[in-house]
Amino acid sequence: MTGDTDDIIALRAALAAAEARAEVAEARAASAEAQVAHLKHLIARMRQDRFGASSERGRRLLAQLELELEELETTLAEDAPENAADPAVRTTAPRSNRGRQPLRADLPRERVVIPAPTQCPCCGSDRLSKLGESVT
C-alpha cells in the first residue's frame, strides 16, 4: 500500500510541475501576443504619421504655426520698452505694394450692351428667363 501512495504522491507532484510549466508557457505566449499586437499598432501609427493624409496637413500646420510664432516674437521684441524709440518720432513705413492700382481716368471707356433675344434660338419658345449677367 505504501508503494501505491508513493506512486500517487509522485504522480501528483509530476502533475503539479506539468501544470506550473503549462502556466508559465501560457504566460509567455500571452506576453508575446501582447507585444506583437503592440508592435503592430506602433507600426500602423508610424505608417499613418508618415503616409497618411494628415501628414501633409500636419507639416503645413507646423510651418504655419512656426511663422505665427516668429511674427509674435518680432511683435513682442518691437513692443518691448527697451527697443522703443521716441513715440513722436517713430512712424511706420508705407507699404510699397498694395495690390492692383485703378486704371487711369484718361483711358477711353466703352459700354457695350448686347440686346437680349426675344425667343429661344434653339427651340423658338417665347418663354425666356434671365440667367445672369457677365461684367468684365
C-alpha atoms as a PDB file:
ATOM      1  CA  MET A   1       0.000   0.000   0.000  1.00  0.00           C
ATOM      2  CA  THR A   2       2.875   2.342   0.632  1.00  0.00           C
ATOM      3  CA  GLY A   3       4.029   1.761  -2.920  1.00  0.00           C
ATOM      4  CA  ASP A   4       0.658   2.861  -4.243  1.00  0.00           C
ATOM      5  CA  THR A   5       0.585   6.011  -2.096  1.00  0.00           C
ATOM      6  CA  ASP A   6       4.163   6.837  -3.086  1.00  0.00           C
ATOM      7  CA  ASP A   7       3.163   6.485  -6.758  1.00  0.00           C
ATOM      8  CA  ILE A   8       0.121   8.707  -6.196  1.00  0.00           C
ATOM      9  CA  ILE A   9       2.225  11.359  -4.452  1.00  0.00           C
ATOM     10  CA  ALA A  10       4.827  11.197  -7.228  1.00  0.00           C
ATOM     11  CA  LEU A  11       2.111  11.472  -9.900  1.00  0.00           C
ATOM     12  CA  ARG A  12       0.506  14.429  -8.115  1.00  0.00           C
ATOM     13  CA  ALA A  13       3.920  16.169  -7.896  1.00  0.00           C
ATOM     14  CA  ALA A  14       4.554  15.489 -11.593  1.00  0.00           C
ATOM     15  CA  LEU A  15       1.066  16.781 -12.429  1.00  0.00           C
ATOM     16  CA  ALA A  16       1.641  19.963 -10.376  1.00  0.00           C
ATOM     17  CA  ALA A  17       5.014  20.512 -12.062  1.00  0.00           C
ATOM     18  CA  ALA A  18       3.462  19.998 -15.505  1.00  0.00           C
ATOM     19  CA  GLU A  19       0.637  22.440 -14.671  1.00  0.00           C
ATOM     20  CA  ALA A  20       3.196  25.033 -13.466  1.00  0.00           C
ATOM     21  CA  ARG A  21       5.182  24.639 -16.706  1.00  0.00           C
ATOM     22  CA  ALA A  22       1.977  24.987 -18.713  1.00  0.00           C
ATOM     23  CA  GLU A  23       1.036  28.186 -16.837  1.00  0.00           C
ATOM     24  CA  VAL A  24       4.498  29.650 -17.454  1.00  0.00           C
ATOM     25  CA  ALA A  25       4.257  28.746 -21.158  1.00  0.00           C
ATOM     26  CA  GLU A  26       0.780  30.320 -21.404  1.00  0.00           C
ATOM     27  CA  ALA A  27       2.025  33.481 -19.684  1.00  0.00           C
ATOM     28  CA  ARG A  28       4.943  33.705 -22.124  1.00  0.00           C
ATOM     29  CA  ALA A  29       2.631  33.172 -25.079  1.00  0.00           C
ATOM     30  CA  ALA A  30       0.184  35.810 -23.825  1.00  0.00           C
ATOM     31  CA  SER A  31       3.061  38.234 -23.249  1.00  0.00           C
ATOM     32  CA  ALA A  32       4.431  37.553 -26.721  1.00  0.00           C
ATOM     33  CA  GLU A  33       0.971  38.049 -28.280  1.00  0.00           C
ATOM     34  CA  ALA A  34       0.536  41.330 -26.420  1.00  0.00           C
ATOM     35  CA  GLN A  35       3.958  42.501 -27.548  1.00  0.00           C
ATOM     36  CA  VAL A  36       3.192  41.557 -31.170  1.00  0.00           C
ATOM     37  CA  ALA A  37      -0.108  43.438 -31.027  1.00  0.00           C
ATOM     38  CA  HIS A  38       1.630  46.470 -29.514  1.00  0.00           C
ATOM     39  CA  LEU A  39       4.322  46.475 -32.203  1.00  0.00           C
ATOM     40  CA  LYS A  40       1.709  46.127 -34.977  1.00  0.00           C
ATOM     41  CA  HIS A  41      -0.153  49.092 -33.502  1.00  0.00           C
ATOM     42  CA  LEU A  42       3.049  51.174 -33.386  1.00  0.00           C
ATOM     43  CA  ILE A  43       3.861  50.300 -36.992  1.00  0.00           C
ATOM     44  CA  ALA A  44       0.372  51.250 -38.113  1.00  0.00           C
ATOM     45  CA  ARG A  45       0.599  54.588 -36.298  1.00  0.00           C
ATOM     46  CA  MET A  46       4.024  55.306 -37.780  1.00  0.00           C
ATOM     47  CA  ARG A  47       2.731  54.500 -41.278  1.00  0.00           C
ATOM     48  CA  GLN A  48      -0.261  56.767 -40.709  1.00  0.00           C
ATOM     49  CA  ASP A  49       2.005  59.561 -39.486  1.00  0.00           C
ATOM     50  CA  ARG A  50       4.336  59.121 -42.437  1.00  0.00           C
ATOM     51  CA  PHE A  51       1.984  58.334 -45.326  1.00  0.00           C
ATOM     52  CA  GLY A  52      -1.456  59.367 -44.102  1.00  0.00           C
ATOM     53  CA  ALA A  53      -3.461  62.281 -45.441  1.00  0.00           C
ATOM     54  CA  SER A  54      -2.921  64.177 -42.240  1.00  0.00           C
ATOM     55  CA  SER A  55       0.876  64.057 -42.540  1.00  0.00           C
ATOM     56  CA  GLU A  56       0.892  66.794 -45.199  1.00  0.00           C
ATOM     57  CA  ARG A  57      -1.622  68.826 -43.255  1.00  0.00           C
ATOM     58  CA  GLY A  58       0.493  68.382 -40.143  1.00  0.00           C
ATOM     59  CA  ARG A  59       3.596  69.683 -41.903  1.00  0.00           C
ATOM     60  CA  ARG A  60       1.710  72.679 -43.292  1.00  0.00           C
ATOM     61  CA  LEU A  61       0.145  73.352 -39.921  1.00  0.00           C
ATOM     62  CA  LEU A  62       3.532  73.155 -38.237  1.00  0.00           C
ATOM     63  CA  ALA A  63       5.047  75.569 -40.773  1.00  0.00           C
ATOM     64  CA  GLN A  64       2.130  77.980 -40.300  1.00  0.00           C
ATOM     65  CA  LEU A  65       2.466  77.816 -36.522  1.00  0.00           C
ATOM     66  CA  GLU A  66       6.202  78.481 -36.780  1.00  0.00           C
ATOM     67  CA  LEU A  67       5.501  81.567 -38.911  1.00  0.00           C
ATOM     68  CA  GLU A  68       2.919  82.824 -36.425  1.00  0.00           C
ATOM     69  CA  LEU A  69       5.385  82.254 -33.590  1.00  0.00           C
ATOM     70  CA  GLU A  70       8.051  84.270 -35.426  1.00  0.00           C
ATOM     71  CA  GLU A  71       5.586  87.102 -36.017  1.00  0.00           C
ATOM     72  CA  LEU A  72       4.567  87.135 -32.369  1.00  0.00           C
ATOM     73  CA  GLU A  73       8.188  87.132 -31.231  1.00  0.00           C
ATOM     74  CA  THR A  74       9.081  90.042 -33.507  1.00  0.00           C
ATOM     75  CA  THR A  75       5.984  91.931 -32.378  1.00  0.00           C
ATOM     76  CA  LEU A  76       6.939  91.384 -28.749  1.00  0.00           C
ATOM     77  CA  ALA A  77      10.505  92.476 -29.465  1.00  0.00           C
ATOM     78  CA  GLU A  78       9.301  95.622 -31.212  1.00  0.00           C
ATOM     79  CA  ASP A  79       6.842  96.438 -28.448  1.00  0.00           C
ATOM     80  CA  ALA A  80       9.414  95.990 -25.691  1.00  0.00           C
ATOM     81  CA  PRO A  81      10.135  99.286 -23.879  1.00  0.00           C
ATOM     82  CA  GLU A  82      13.908  98.984 -24.302  1.00  0.00           C
ATOM     83  CA  ASN A  83      13.525  98.721 -28.106  1.00  0.00           C
ATOM     84  CA  ALA A  84      11.005 101.532 -28.446  1.00  0.00           C
ATOM     85  CA  ALA A  85      12.267 104.859 -29.753  1.00  0.00           C
ATOM     86  CA  ASP A  86      10.613 108.200 -29.076  1.00  0.00           C
ATOM     87  CA  PRO A  87       6.890 107.634 -29.827  1.00  0.00           C
ATOM     88  CA  ALA A  88       6.584 111.000 -31.579  1.00  0.00           C
ATOM     89  CA  VAL A  89       9.416 110.152 -33.989  1.00  0.00           C
ATOM     90  CA  ARG A  90       8.522 106.531 -34.633  1.00  0.00           C
ATOM     91  CA  THR A  91       6.381 106.012 -37.733  1.00  0.00           C
ATOM     92  CA  THR A  92       5.704 103.011 -39.883  1.00  0.00           C
ATOM     93  CA  ALA A  93       6.971 102.852 -43.427  1.00  0.00           C
ATOM     94  CA  PRO A  94       4.263 102.917 -46.098  1.00  0.00           C
ATOM     95  CA  ARG A  95       3.682  99.680 -47.935  1.00  0.00           C
ATOM     96  CA  SER A  96       5.154  99.603 -51.390  1.00  0.00           C
ATOM     97  CA  ASN A  97       2.771  97.031 -52.876  1.00  0.00           C
ATOM     98  CA  ARG A  98      -0.919  97.492 -52.214  1.00  0.00           C
ATOM     99  CA  GLY A  99      -2.237  95.291 -54.991  1.00  0.00           C
ATOM    100  CA  ARG A 100      -3.696  96.291 -58.330  1.00  0.00           C
ATOM    101  CA  GLN A 101      -3.959 100.016 -58.959  1.00  0.00           C
ATOM    102  CA  PRO A 102      -7.078 101.520 -60.596  1.00  0.00           C
ATOM    103  CA  LEU A 103      -6.988 102.310 -64.294  1.00  0.00           C
ATOM    104  CA  ARG A 104      -6.132 105.843 -65.338  1.00  0.00           C
ATOM    105  CA  ALA A 105      -9.072 108.220 -65.805  1.00  0.00           C
ATOM    106  CA  ASP A 106      -7.928 109.335 -69.259  1.00  0.00           C
ATOM    107  CA  LEU A 107      -8.263 105.849 -70.796  1.00  0.00           C
ATOM    108  CA  PRO A 108     -11.182 105.515 -73.209  1.00  0.00           C
ATOM    109  CA  ARG A 109     -14.155 103.651 -71.818  1.00  0.00           C
ATOM    110  CA  GLU A 110     -16.739 101.934 -73.937  1.00  0.00           C
ATOM    111  CA  ARG A 111     -20.018 100.392 -72.816  1.00  0.00           C
ATOM    112  CA  VAL A 112     -21.402  97.589 -74.979  1.00  0.00           C
ATOM    113  CA  VAL A 113     -24.945  96.361 -74.391  1.00  0.00           C
ATOM    114  CA  ILE A 114     -25.993  93.286 -76.327  1.00  0.00           C
ATOM    115  CA  PRO A 115     -29.746  93.178 -76.886  1.00  0.00           C
ATOM    116  CA  ALA A 116     -31.462  90.137 -75.472  1.00  0.00           C
ATOM    117  CA  PRO A 117     -33.194  87.799 -77.899  1.00  0.00           C
ATOM    118  CA  THR A 118     -36.971  87.712 -77.846  1.00  0.00           C
ATOM    119  CA  GLN A 119     -37.210  83.966 -78.356  1.00  0.00           C
ATOM    120  CA  CYS A 120     -35.041  80.916 -77.709  1.00  0.00           C
ATOM    121  CA  PRO A 121     -32.601  80.284 -80.594  1.00  0.00           C
ATOM    122  CA  CYS A 122     -32.750  76.516 -80.007  1.00  0.00           C
ATOM    123  CA  CYS A 123     -36.449  75.757 -79.755  1.00  0.00           C
ATOM    124  CA  GLY A 124     -38.087  79.066 -80.748  1.00  0.00           C
ATOM    125  CA  SER A 125     -40.075  79.373 -77.497  1.00  0.00           C
ATOM    126  CA  ASP A 126     -41.137  82.785 -76.185  1.00  0.00           C
ATOM    127  CA  ARG A 127     -40.548  81.734 -72.559  1.00  0.00           C
ATOM    128  CA  LEU A 128     -37.133  83.140 -71.614  1.00  0.00           C
ATOM    129  CA  SER A 129     -35.668  83.596 -68.180  1.00  0.00           C
ATOM    130  CA  LYS A 130     -32.754  85.757 -67.104  1.00  0.00           C
ATOM    131  CA  LEU A 131     -29.773  83.546 -66.265  1.00  0.00           C
ATOM    132  CA  GLY A 132     -27.197  86.054 -65.147  1.00  0.00           C
ATOM    133  CA  GLU A 133     -25.008  88.953 -66.039  1.00  0.00           C
ATOM    134  CA  SER A 134     -21.347  88.993 -67.073  1.00  0.00           C
ATOM    135  CA  VAL A 135     -19.335  92.098 -66.264  1.00  0.00           C
ATOM    136  CA  THR A 136     -15.706  92.489 -67.335  1.00  0.00           C
END
